[in-house]
């Protein structure tokens, strides 16, 4: 909680071990503007109380501070769960809920707005093609049909991850109608399960993490081959430091 509080409201020098100087928080930096609070339902209850005070009175104190700071900030809060149910369970303050819930915008999951998938996929393809300096043709009709048939439990972020992998690998071959990321993960050798995680119970984040590691390894391998293993040139093309590239080469087993 102390870390979250210091990020939102800042801290004074000596407020805790390692606080060697005064640091303004996000509220202070956003004065006169807008502050996005992502996944606000995850805030611990004591921090919710301080947030409520800041929203009601327009003032707060830094962590370890004694002087009140006045701010004028517009709050945009996002949540990925039923916040009313969270209030009923006692995990979120009711008074803070009503303070935040002035204008509510419900964004349906991607599976309920499939007509947006082609335009989103094209946006991500163009974006990452520019970012990685690659010439990637528009996604094929077959791939877009598979995208339209998939449920996308990870919503837009999962779609972005899949399209990013297509750009990096320069191929749509790994995309299946059943599950784009599951198909990508199936190409990898079975890894030892994490401690405390039952075998066969890998979550979406685990699958996405493996897919991202695989895509990174493939991009580094191709870049090294294109530069004939000139690591300095490869690091420049990948926009990372030479030292970071050496670490990744070892980490990827190249």
C-alpha atoms as a PDB file:
ATOM      1  CA  UNK A   1       0.000   0.000   0.000  1.00  0.00           C
ATOM      2  CA  UNK A   2       2.836   2.406   0.842  1.00  0.00           C
ATOM      3  CA  UNK A   3       4.159   2.143  -2.703  1.00  0.00           C
ATOM      4  CA  UNK A   4       0.749   2.924  -4.222  1.00  0.00           C
ATOM      5  CA  UNK A   5       0.221   5.826  -1.841  1.00  0.00           C
ATOM      6  CA  UNK A   6       3.622   7.299  -2.671  1.00  0.00           C
ATOM      7  CA  UNK A   7       2.898   6.999  -6.408  1.00  0.00           C
ATOM      8  CA  UNK A   8      -0.481   8.706  -6.141  1.00  0.00           C
ATOM      9  CA  UNK A   9       0.273  11.350  -3.538  1.00  0.00           C
ATOM     10  CA  UNK A  10       4.073  11.626  -3.489  1.00  0.00           C
ATOM     11  CA  UNK A  11       6.356  11.631  -0.467  1.00  0.00           C
ATOM     12  CA  UNK A  12       8.692  13.818   1.525  1.00  0.00           C
ATOM     13  CA  UNK A  13      12.372  13.188   2.016  1.00  0.00           C
ATOM     14  CA  UNK A  14      12.892  10.661   4.801  1.00  0.00           C
ATOM     15  CA  UNK A  15       9.288   9.390   4.680  1.00  0.00           C
ATOM     16  CA  UNK A  16      10.621   5.832   4.388  1.00  0.00           C
ATOM     17  CA  UNK A  17      13.873   4.003   3.726  1.00  0.00           C
ATOM     18  CA  UNK A  18      15.186   5.088   0.355  1.00  0.00           C
ATOM     19  CA  UNK A  19      13.230   8.348   0.213  1.00  0.00           C
ATOM     20  CA  UNK A  20      16.286  10.557  -0.306  1.00  0.00           C
ATOM     21  CA  UNK A  21      14.390  13.451  -1.853  1.00  0.00           C
ATOM     22  CA  UNK A  22      10.911  14.865  -2.142  1.00  0.00           C
ATOM     23  CA  UNK A  23       8.849  13.382  -4.970  1.00  0.00           C
ATOM     24  CA  UNK A  24       5.533  14.757  -6.277  1.00  0.00           C
ATOM     25  CA  UNK A  25       2.755  12.224  -6.812  1.00  0.00           C
ATOM     26  CA  UNK A  26       0.476  11.641  -9.778  1.00  0.00           C
ATOM     27  CA  UNK A  27      -2.229  13.889  -8.307  1.00  0.00           C
ATOM     28  CA  UNK A  28       0.187  16.784  -8.005  1.00  0.00           C
ATOM     29  CA  UNK A  29       1.554  16.275 -11.519  1.00  0.00           C
ATOM     30  CA  UNK A  30      -1.979  16.103 -12.956  1.00  0.00           C
ATOM     31  CA  UNK A  31      -3.083  19.400 -11.371  1.00  0.00           C
ATOM     32  CA  UNK A  32      -5.337  21.216 -13.820  1.00  0.00           C
ATOM     33  CA  UNK A  33      -5.695  18.106 -15.981  1.00  0.00           C
ATOM     34  CA  UNK A  34      -6.964  14.533 -16.014  1.00  0.00           C
ATOM     35  CA  UNK A  35      -5.711  11.493 -14.088  1.00  0.00           C
ATOM     36  CA  UNK A  36      -6.559   7.928 -15.119  1.00  0.00           C
ATOM     37  CA  UNK A  37      -6.902   5.435 -12.265  1.00  0.00           C
ATOM     38  CA  UNK A  38      -6.677   2.004 -13.890  1.00  0.00           C
ATOM     39  CA  UNK A  39      -8.230  -1.004 -12.082  1.00  0.00           C
ATOM     40  CA  UNK A  40      -9.423   1.214  -9.244  1.00  0.00           C
ATOM     41  CA  UNK A  41     -11.250  -1.716  -7.601  1.00  0.00           C
ATOM     42  CA  UNK A  42      -7.866  -3.185  -6.615  1.00  0.00           C
ATOM     43  CA  UNK A  43      -6.980  -0.265  -4.324  1.00  0.00           C
ATOM     44  CA  UNK A  44      -6.672  -1.309  -0.649  1.00  0.00           C
ATOM     45  CA  UNK A  45      -9.340   0.095   1.656  1.00  0.00           C
ATOM     46  CA  UNK A  46      -7.034   2.445   3.633  1.00  0.00           C
ATOM     47  CA  UNK A  47      -5.857   4.031   0.375  1.00  0.00           C
ATOM     48  CA  UNK A  48      -9.462   4.326  -0.787  1.00  0.00           C
ATOM     49  CA  UNK A  49     -10.129   6.514   2.258  1.00  0.00           C
ATOM     50  CA  UNK A  50      -7.296   8.890   1.367  1.00  0.00           C
ATOM     51  CA  UNK A  51      -8.435   8.972  -2.263  1.00  0.00           C
ATOM     52  CA  UNK A  52     -11.971   9.839  -1.162  1.00  0.00           C
ATOM     53  CA  UNK A  53     -10.639  12.701   0.978  1.00  0.00           C
ATOM     54  CA  UNK A  54      -8.611  14.031  -1.958  1.00  0.00           C
ATOM     55  CA  UNK A  55     -11.629  13.910  -4.276  1.00  0.00           C
ATOM     56  CA  UNK A  56     -14.044  15.477  -1.770  1.00  0.00           C
ATOM     57  CA  UNK A  57     -11.839  18.280  -0.461  1.00  0.00           C
ATOM     58  CA  UNK A  58      -9.413  18.729  -3.355  1.00  0.00           C
ATOM     59  CA  UNK A  59      -6.445  18.453  -1.011  1.00  0.00           C
ATOM     60  CA  UNK A  60      -4.165  15.857   0.542  1.00  0.00           C
ATOM     61  CA  UNK A  61      -0.712  15.531   2.104  1.00  0.00           C
ATOM     62  CA  UNK A  62       2.329  13.747   0.764  1.00  0.00           C
ATOM     63  CA  UNK A  63       3.473  10.567   2.485  1.00  0.00           C
ATOM     64  CA  UNK A  64       5.444  11.717   5.505  1.00  0.00           C
ATOM     65  CA  UNK A  65       4.306  15.303   4.978  1.00  0.00           C
ATOM     66  CA  UNK A  66       2.421  17.700   7.243  1.00  0.00           C
ATOM     67  CA  UNK A  67       1.348  20.375   4.779  1.00  0.00           C
ATOM     68  CA  UNK A  68      -1.820  19.993   2.702  1.00  0.00           C
ATOM     69  CA  UNK A  69      -1.561  20.299  -1.066  1.00  0.00           C
ATOM     70  CA  UNK A  70      -4.518  21.654  -3.026  1.00  0.00           C
ATOM     71  CA  UNK A  71      -5.191  20.162  -6.463  1.00  0.00           C
ATOM     72  CA  UNK A  72      -7.840  20.405  -9.166  1.00  0.00           C
ATOM     73  CA  UNK A  73      -7.874  17.086 -11.015  1.00  0.00           C
ATOM     74  CA  UNK A  74     -10.477  15.375 -13.172  1.00  0.00           C
ATOM     75  CA  UNK A  75     -10.578  11.636 -12.485  1.00  0.00           C
ATOM     76  CA  UNK A  76     -11.212   8.901 -15.049  1.00  0.00           C
ATOM     77  CA  UNK A  77     -11.419   5.492 -13.353  1.00  0.00           C
ATOM     78  CA  UNK A  78     -11.484   2.112 -15.081  1.00  0.00           C
ATOM     79  CA  UNK A  79     -12.488  -1.266 -13.700  1.00  0.00           C
ATOM     80  CA  UNK A  80     -12.766  -4.761 -15.206  1.00  0.00           C
ATOM     81  CA  UNK A  81     -15.316  -6.159 -12.775  1.00  0.00           C
ATOM     82  CA  UNK A  82     -18.781  -5.421 -11.364  1.00  0.00           C
ATOM     83  CA  UNK A  83     -17.931  -2.586  -8.989  1.00  0.00           C
ATOM     84  CA  UNK A  84     -21.385  -2.594  -7.402  1.00  0.00           C
ATOM     85  CA  UNK A  85     -20.889  -6.240  -6.423  1.00  0.00           C
ATOM     86  CA  UNK A  86     -17.464  -5.344  -5.020  1.00  0.00           C
ATOM     87  CA  UNK A  87     -19.144  -2.647  -2.894  1.00  0.00           C
ATOM     88  CA  UNK A  88     -21.698  -5.151  -1.611  1.00  0.00           C
ATOM     89  CA  UNK A  89     -18.874  -7.508  -0.590  1.00  0.00           C
ATOM     90  CA  UNK A  90     -17.311  -4.696   1.421  1.00  0.00           C
ATOM     91  CA  UNK A  91     -14.123  -4.649  -0.684  1.00  0.00           C
ATOM     92  CA  UNK A  92     -14.792  -1.157  -2.060  1.00  0.00           C
ATOM     93  CA  UNK A  93     -16.063   1.894  -0.196  1.00  0.00           C
ATOM     94  CA  UNK A  94     -19.617   2.834  -1.083  1.00  0.00           C
ATOM     95  CA  UNK A  95     -18.990   6.569  -0.616  1.00  0.00           C
ATOM     96  CA  UNK A  96     -15.991   6.423  -2.964  1.00  0.00           C
ATOM     97  CA  UNK A  97     -18.062   4.473  -5.497  1.00  0.00           C
ATOM     98  CA  UNK A  98     -20.688   7.223  -5.614  1.00  0.00           C
ATOM     99  CA  UNK A  99     -17.999   9.897  -5.765  1.00  0.00           C
ATOM    100  CA  UNK A 100     -16.428   8.239  -8.826  1.00  0.00           C
ATOM    101  CA  UNK A 101     -19.601   7.050 -10.560  1.00  0.00           C
ATOM    102  CA  UNK A 102     -20.755  10.374 -12.010  1.00  0.00           C
ATOM    103  CA  UNK A 103     -20.731   9.368 -15.682  1.00  0.00           C
ATOM    104  CA  UNK A 104     -20.462   5.646 -16.367  1.00  0.00           C
ATOM    105  CA  UNK A 105     -19.395   4.188 -19.734  1.00  0.00           C
ATOM    106  CA  UNK A 106     -19.697   0.426 -20.167  1.00  0.00           C
ATOM    107  CA  UNK A 107     -17.336  -1.008 -22.799  1.00  0.00           C
ATOM    108  CA  UNK A 108     -18.550  -4.442 -23.963  1.00  0.00           C
ATOM    109  CA  UNK A 109     -16.011  -7.264 -24.421  1.00  0.00           C
ATOM    110  CA  UNK A 110     -14.485  -7.695 -27.857  1.00  0.00           C
ATOM    111  CA  UNK A 111     -16.577 -10.824 -28.527  1.00  0.00           C
ATOM    112  CA  UNK A 112     -19.696  -8.622 -28.386  1.00  0.00           C
ATOM    113  CA  UNK A 113     -18.367  -6.133 -30.951  1.00  0.00           C
ATOM    114  CA  UNK A 114     -16.739  -8.409 -33.490  1.00  0.00           C
ATOM    115  CA  UNK A 115     -17.392  -5.921 -36.287  1.00  0.00           C
ATOM    116  CA  UNK A 116     -14.532  -3.836 -34.834  1.00  0.00           C
ATOM    117  CA  UNK A 117     -11.970  -6.657 -35.049  1.00  0.00           C
ATOM    118  CA  UNK A 118     -10.811  -6.000 -38.662  1.00  0.00           C
ATOM    119  CA  UNK A 119     -10.176  -2.286 -38.065  1.00  0.00           C
ATOM    120  CA  UNK A 120      -8.424  -2.944 -34.742  1.00  0.00           C
ATOM    121  CA  UNK A 121      -6.274  -5.672 -36.280  1.00  0.00           C
ATOM    122  CA  UNK A 122      -5.299  -3.391 -39.165  1.00  0.00           C
ATOM    123  CA  UNK A 123      -4.410  -0.604 -36.736  1.00  0.00           C
ATOM    124  CA  UNK A 124      -2.104  -2.889 -34.747  1.00  0.00           C
ATOM    125  CA  UNK A 125      -0.562  -4.315 -37.945  1.00  0.00           C
ATOM    126  CA  UNK A 126       0.293  -0.842 -39.250  1.00  0.00           C
ATOM    127  CA  UNK A 127       1.551   0.327 -35.873  1.00  0.00           C
ATOM    128  CA  UNK A 128       3.935  -2.543 -35.237  1.00  0.00           C
ATOM    129  CA  UNK A 129       5.085  -2.706 -38.856  1.00  0.00           C
ATOM    130  CA  UNK A 130       6.255   0.906 -38.491  1.00  0.00           C
ATOM    131  CA  UNK A 131       7.726   0.277 -35.046  1.00  0.00           C
ATOM    132  CA  UNK A 132       9.774  -2.739 -36.150  1.00  0.00           C
ATOM    133  CA  UNK A 133      10.549  -1.426 -39.631  1.00  0.00           C
ATOM    134  CA  UNK A 134       8.909  -4.356 -41.410  1.00  0.00           C
ATOM    135  CA  UNK A 135       6.869  -4.607 -44.596  1.00  0.00           C
ATOM    136  CA  UNK A 136       3.824  -6.649 -43.651  1.00  0.00           C
ATOM    137  CA  UNK A 137       0.875  -7.075 -46.040  1.00  0.00           C
ATOM    138  CA  UNK A 138      -2.713  -6.671 -44.787  1.00  0.00           C
ATOM    139  CA  UNK A 139      -4.033  -9.661 -42.872  1.00  0.00           C
ATOM    140  CA  UNK A 140      -5.542 -12.346 -45.063  1.00  0.00           C
ATOM    141  CA  UNK A 141      -9.318 -12.916 -45.214  1.00  0.00           C
ATOM    142  CA  UNK A 142      -8.788 -16.405 -43.714  1.00  0.00           C
ATOM    143  CA  UNK A 143      -7.030 -14.939 -40.654  1.00  0.00           C
ATOM    144  CA  UNK A 144      -9.702 -12.269 -40.215  1.00  0.00           C
ATOM    145  CA  UNK A 145     -12.378 -14.980 -40.374  1.00  0.00           C
ATOM    146  CA  UNK A 146     -10.569 -16.894 -37.643  1.00  0.00           C
ATOM    147  CA  UNK A 147     -10.316 -13.725 -35.587  1.00  0.00           C
ATOM    148  CA  UNK A 148     -14.068 -13.175 -35.991  1.00  0.00           C
ATOM    149  CA  UNK A 149     -14.826 -16.740 -34.841  1.00  0.00           C
ATOM    150  CA  UNK A 150     -12.623 -16.538 -31.719  1.00  0.00           C
ATOM    151  CA  UNK A 151     -14.026 -15.480 -28.313  1.00  0.00           C
ATOM    152  CA  UNK A 152     -11.025 -13.288 -27.294  1.00  0.00           C
ATOM    153  CA  UNK A 153     -11.059 -13.830 -23.509  1.00  0.00           C
ATOM    154  CA  UNK A 154      -8.151 -11.389 -23.267  1.00  0.00           C
ATOM    155  CA  UNK A 155     -10.094  -8.759 -25.243  1.00  0.00           C
ATOM    156  CA  UNK A 156      -8.235  -6.077 -27.231  1.00  0.00           C
ATOM    157  CA  UNK A 157      -4.908  -6.740 -25.495  1.00  0.00           C
ATOM    158  CA  UNK A 158      -4.959 -10.355 -26.658  1.00  0.00           C
ATOM    159  CA  UNK A 159      -5.753  -9.277 -30.219  1.00  0.00           C
ATOM    160  CA  UNK A 160      -2.881  -6.791 -30.087  1.00  0.00           C
ATOM    161  CA  UNK A 161      -0.511  -9.517 -28.859  1.00  0.00           C
ATOM    162  CA  UNK A 162      -1.465 -11.867 -31.707  1.00  0.00           C
ATOM    163  CA  UNK A 163      -1.126  -9.210 -34.419  1.00  0.00           C
ATOM    164  CA  UNK A 164       2.203  -8.086 -32.946  1.00  0.00           C
ATOM    165  CA  UNK A 165       3.465 -11.659 -33.180  1.00  0.00           C
ATOM    166  CA  UNK A 166       2.332 -11.871 -36.817  1.00  0.00           C
ATOM    167  CA  UNK A 167       4.352  -8.730 -37.588  1.00  0.00           C
ATOM    168  CA  UNK A 168       7.461  -9.932 -35.758  1.00  0.00           C
ATOM    169  CA  UNK A 169       7.415 -13.425 -37.281  1.00  0.00           C
ATOM    170  CA  UNK A 170       6.224 -12.209 -40.679  1.00  0.00           C
ATOM    171  CA  UNK A 171       3.777 -15.101 -40.796  1.00  0.00           C
ATOM    172  CA  UNK A 172       0.127 -15.878 -40.019  1.00  0.00           C
ATOM    173  CA  UNK A 173       0.735 -19.637 -40.046  1.00  0.00           C
ATOM    174  CA  UNK A 174       0.450 -20.051 -36.279  1.00  0.00           C
ATOM    175  CA  UNK A 175      -3.086 -18.596 -36.133  1.00  0.00           C
ATOM    176  CA  UNK A 176      -5.791 -21.247 -35.674  1.00  0.00           C
ATOM    177  CA  UNK A 177      -9.564 -20.948 -35.657  1.00  0.00           C
ATOM    178  CA  UNK A 178      -9.776 -22.329 -32.122  1.00  0.00           C
ATOM    179  CA  UNK A 179      -7.385 -20.024 -30.302  1.00  0.00           C
ATOM    180  CA  UNK A 180      -4.567 -17.944 -31.848  1.00  0.00           C
ATOM    181  CA  UNK A 181      -2.407 -17.870 -28.735  1.00  0.00           C
ATOM    182  CA  UNK A 182      -3.034 -21.464 -27.696  1.00  0.00           C
ATOM    183  CA  UNK A 183      -1.912 -22.582 -31.141  1.00  0.00           C
ATOM    184  CA  UNK A 184       1.240 -20.502 -30.817  1.00  0.00           C
ATOM    185  CA  UNK A 185       2.005 -21.964 -27.402  1.00  0.00           C
ATOM    186  CA  UNK A 186       1.446 -25.505 -28.688  1.00  0.00           C
ATOM    187  CA  UNK A 187       4.449 -25.068 -30.988  1.00  0.00           C
ATOM    188  CA  UNK A 188       6.704 -24.700 -27.944  1.00  0.00           C
ATOM    189  CA  UNK A 189       8.189 -27.665 -26.049  1.00  0.00           C
ATOM    190  CA  UNK A 190       6.347 -28.388 -22.813  1.00  0.00           C
ATOM    191  CA  UNK A 191       7.900 -26.337 -20.030  1.00  0.00           C
ATOM    192  CA  UNK A 192       8.131 -27.314 -16.401  1.00  0.00           C
ATOM    193  CA  UNK A 193       5.075 -26.019 -14.485  1.00  0.00           C
ATOM    194  CA  UNK A 194       5.610 -23.149 -12.096  1.00  0.00           C
ATOM    195  CA  UNK A 195       5.823 -23.983  -8.418  1.00  0.00           C
ATOM    196  CA  UNK A 196       2.373 -24.137  -6.878  1.00  0.00           C
ATOM    197  CA  UNK A 197       0.604 -24.128 -10.288  1.00  0.00           C
ATOM    198  CA  UNK A 198      -1.157 -27.381 -11.188  1.00  0.00           C
ATOM    199  CA  UNK A 199      -0.070 -29.014 -14.462  1.00  0.00           C
ATOM    200  CA  UNK A 200      -2.439 -28.136 -17.289  1.00  0.00           C
ATOM    201  CA  UNK A 201      -3.796 -25.063 -15.514  1.00  0.00           C
ATOM    202  CA  UNK A 202      -1.806 -22.390 -17.348  1.00  0.00           C
ATOM    203  CA  UNK A 203      -3.654 -19.086 -17.481  1.00  0.00           C
ATOM    204  CA  UNK A 204      -3.957 -16.586 -20.313  1.00  0.00           C
ATOM    205  CA  UNK A 205      -1.079 -14.489 -18.957  1.00  0.00           C
ATOM    206  CA  UNK A 206       1.202 -17.545 -18.954  1.00  0.00           C
ATOM    207  CA  UNK A 207       0.326 -18.339 -22.570  1.00  0.00           C
ATOM    208  CA  UNK A 208       0.805 -14.716 -23.637  1.00  0.00           C
ATOM    209  CA  UNK A 209       4.146 -14.569 -21.818  1.00  0.00           C
ATOM    210  CA  UNK A 210       5.420 -17.682 -23.601  1.00  0.00           C
ATOM    211  CA  UNK A 211       4.232 -16.346 -26.952  1.00  0.00           C
ATOM    212  CA  UNK A 212       5.991 -13.024 -26.334  1.00  0.00           C
ATOM    213  CA  UNK A 213       9.254 -14.782 -25.383  1.00  0.00           C
ATOM    214  CA  UNK A 214       9.043 -16.915 -28.509  1.00  0.00           C
ATOM    215  CA  UNK A 215       8.422 -13.863 -30.708  1.00  0.00           C
ATOM    216  CA  UNK A 216      11.332 -11.987 -29.109  1.00  0.00           C
ATOM    217  CA  UNK A 217      13.690 -14.922 -29.621  1.00  0.00           C
ATOM    218  CA  UNK A 218      12.669 -15.246 -33.276  1.00  0.00           C
ATOM    219  CA  UNK A 219      13.152 -11.528 -33.923  1.00  0.00           C
ATOM    220  CA  UNK A 220      16.618 -11.554 -32.333  1.00  0.00           C
ATOM    221  CA  UNK A 221      17.603 -14.686 -34.294  1.00  0.00           C
ATOM    222  CA  UNK A 222      16.490 -13.217 -37.607  1.00  0.00           C
ATOM    223  CA  UNK A 223      18.205  -9.903 -36.934  1.00  0.00           C
ATOM    224  CA  UNK A 224      21.465 -11.627 -36.033  1.00  0.00           C
ATOM    225  CA  UNK A 225      21.294 -13.668 -39.242  1.00  0.00           C
ATOM    226  CA  UNK A 226      20.546 -10.570 -41.325  1.00  0.00           C
ATOM    227  CA  UNK A 227      23.567  -8.798 -39.825  1.00  0.00           C
ATOM    228  CA  UNK A 228      25.782 -11.926 -40.063  1.00  0.00           C
ATOM    229  CA  UNK A 229      26.035 -11.911 -36.283  1.00  0.00           C
ATOM    230  CA  UNK A 230      27.322  -8.355 -36.112  1.00  0.00           C
ATOM    231  CA  UNK A 231      26.006  -7.839 -32.599  1.00  0.00           C
ATOM    232  CA  UNK A 232      26.607  -4.082 -32.560  1.00  0.00           C
ATOM    233  CA  UNK A 233      24.566  -3.634 -35.749  1.00  0.00           C
ATOM    234  CA  UNK A 234      21.893  -6.031 -34.480  1.00  0.00           C
ATOM    235  CA  UNK A 235      21.588  -4.059 -31.250  1.00  0.00           C
ATOM    236  CA  UNK A 236      21.175  -0.848 -33.263  1.00  0.00           C
ATOM    237  CA  UNK A 237      18.423  -2.382 -35.411  1.00  0.00           C
ATOM    238  CA  UNK A 238      16.642  -3.796 -32.363  1.00  0.00           C
ATOM    239  CA  UNK A 239      16.965  -0.427 -30.580  1.00  0.00           C
ATOM    240  CA  UNK A 240      18.494  -1.928 -27.444  1.00  0.00           C
ATOM    241  CA  UNK A 241      21.913  -1.599 -25.871  1.00  0.00           C
ATOM    242  CA  UNK A 242      24.784  -3.914 -26.841  1.00  0.00           C
ATOM    243  CA  UNK A 243      24.899  -5.241 -23.275  1.00  0.00           C
ATOM    244  CA  UNK A 244      21.162  -5.963 -23.294  1.00  0.00           C
ATOM    245  CA  UNK A 245      21.511  -7.856 -26.564  1.00  0.00           C
ATOM    246  CA  UNK A 246      24.301 -10.049 -25.172  1.00  0.00           C
ATOM    247  CA  UNK A 247      22.111 -10.874 -22.173  1.00  0.00           C
ATOM    248  CA  UNK A 248      19.143 -11.750 -24.403  1.00  0.00           C
ATOM    249  CA  UNK A 249      21.325 -13.924 -26.656  1.00  0.00           C
ATOM    250  CA  UNK A 250      22.366 -15.961 -23.618  1.00  0.00           C
ATOM    251  CA  UNK A 251      18.856 -15.972 -22.162  1.00  0.00           C
ATOM    252  CA  UNK A 252      17.343 -17.212 -25.432  1.00  0.00           C
ATOM    253  CA  UNK A 253      20.023 -19.862 -25.894  1.00  0.00           C
ATOM    254  CA  UNK A 254      21.154 -18.476 -29.257  1.00  0.00           C
END
